[in-house]
Amino acid sequence: MNLREAEDGKEYIIREIKTDDEELNSFLFSLGCYSGETITVVRHMKNGCVVAIKDGRYSIDNQLAEAIIV
């Protein structure tokens, strides 16, 4: 399941980052988004979602949300 299919307010463990784009992978890693890390979908929006990773909240678009497998 990817983050677009995840429930609001529920904590998940990231299983995989599914992308061949090295720049996108590096960006997600800089946010603390990598395999084994916990992530919470705070709220879904039309063009993406707000997620909480570690001590930060980030707005990510649908392309990023689909690349994060939980």
Protein backbone atom coordinates (compact mmCIF):
# COMPACT_ATOMS: atom_id res chain seq x y z
CA MET A 1 0.00 0.00 0.00
CA ASN A 2 1.28 3.50 -0.74
CA LEU A 3 0.61 6.70 1.21
CA ARG A 4 -2.24 7.77 -1.07
CA GLU A 5 -4.14 4.70 0.15
CA ALA A 6 -3.19 5.15 3.82
CA GLU A 7 -5.62 6.28 6.52
CA ASP A 8 -5.37 9.74 8.07
CA GLY A 9 -3.96 9.77 11.59
CA LYS A 10 -2.51 6.27 11.48
CA GLU A 11 1.20 5.56 11.97
CA TYR A 12 2.92 3.31 9.44
CA ILE A 13 6.41 1.90 8.97
CA ILE A 14 7.99 2.64 5.60
CA ARG A 15 8.75 -0.64 3.85
CA GLU A 16 10.19 0.71 0.62
CA ILE A 17 10.76 3.79 -1.49
CA LYS A 18 9.69 2.75 -4.98
CA THR A 19 11.39 5.09 -7.44
CA ASP A 20 14.16 4.97 -10.00
CA ASP A 21 14.68 8.73 -9.72
CA GLU A 22 17.84 9.20 -7.65
CA GLU A 23 17.07 12.89 -7.02
CA LEU A 24 13.65 12.02 -5.61
CA ASN A 25 15.18 9.27 -3.48
CA SER A 26 17.78 11.70 -2.09
CA PHE A 27 15.11 14.29 -1.34
CA LEU A 28 12.99 11.80 0.60
CA PHE A 29 16.07 10.58 2.50
CA SER A 30 16.88 14.19 3.49
CA LEU A 31 13.39 14.43 5.04
CA GLY A 32 14.09 11.28 7.08
CA CYS A 33 11.89 9.15 4.84
CA TYR A 34 13.58 5.75 4.36
CA SER A 35 12.89 2.06 4.99
CA GLY A 36 12.20 1.23 8.62
CA GLU A 37 11.23 4.77 9.62
CA THR A 38 7.75 5.55 10.96
CA ILE A 39 5.48 7.95 9.07
CA THR A 40 2.02 9.30 9.83
CA VAL A 41 -0.42 10.66 7.28
CA VAL A 42 -1.81 13.74 8.98
CA ARG A 43 -4.27 14.70 6.24
CA HIS A 44 -5.02 13.91 2.60
CA MET A 45 -5.54 16.78 0.18
CA LYS A 46 -6.50 16.96 -3.49
CA ASN A 47 -2.94 17.26 -4.78
CA GLY A 48 -1.10 15.29 -2.10
CA CYS A 49 -0.97 14.85 1.64
CA VAL A 50 0.59 16.16 4.84
CA VAL A 51 2.84 13.66 6.60
CA ALA A 52 4.69 13.63 9.90
CA ILE A 53 8.18 12.15 9.87
CA LYS A 54 10.22 12.28 13.08
CA ASP A 55 9.67 15.80 14.46
CA GLY A 56 8.61 17.48 11.20
CA ARG A 57 5.49 17.86 9.10
CA TYR A 58 5.76 17.98 5.34
CA SER A 59 3.37 18.50 2.46
CA ILE A 60 4.12 16.04 -0.32
CA ASP A 61 2.53 15.72 -3.73
CA ASN A 62 0.80 12.63 -5.09
CA GLN A 63 3.91 11.46 -6.99
CA LEU A 64 5.91 11.31 -3.76
CA ALA A 65 3.00 9.72 -1.86
CA GLU A 66 2.77 6.94 -4.45
CA ALA A 67 6.51 6.24 -4.20
CA ILE A 68 6.37 5.62 -0.44
CA ILE A 69 5.28 2.05 0.29
CA VAL A 70 4.06 1.27 3.81
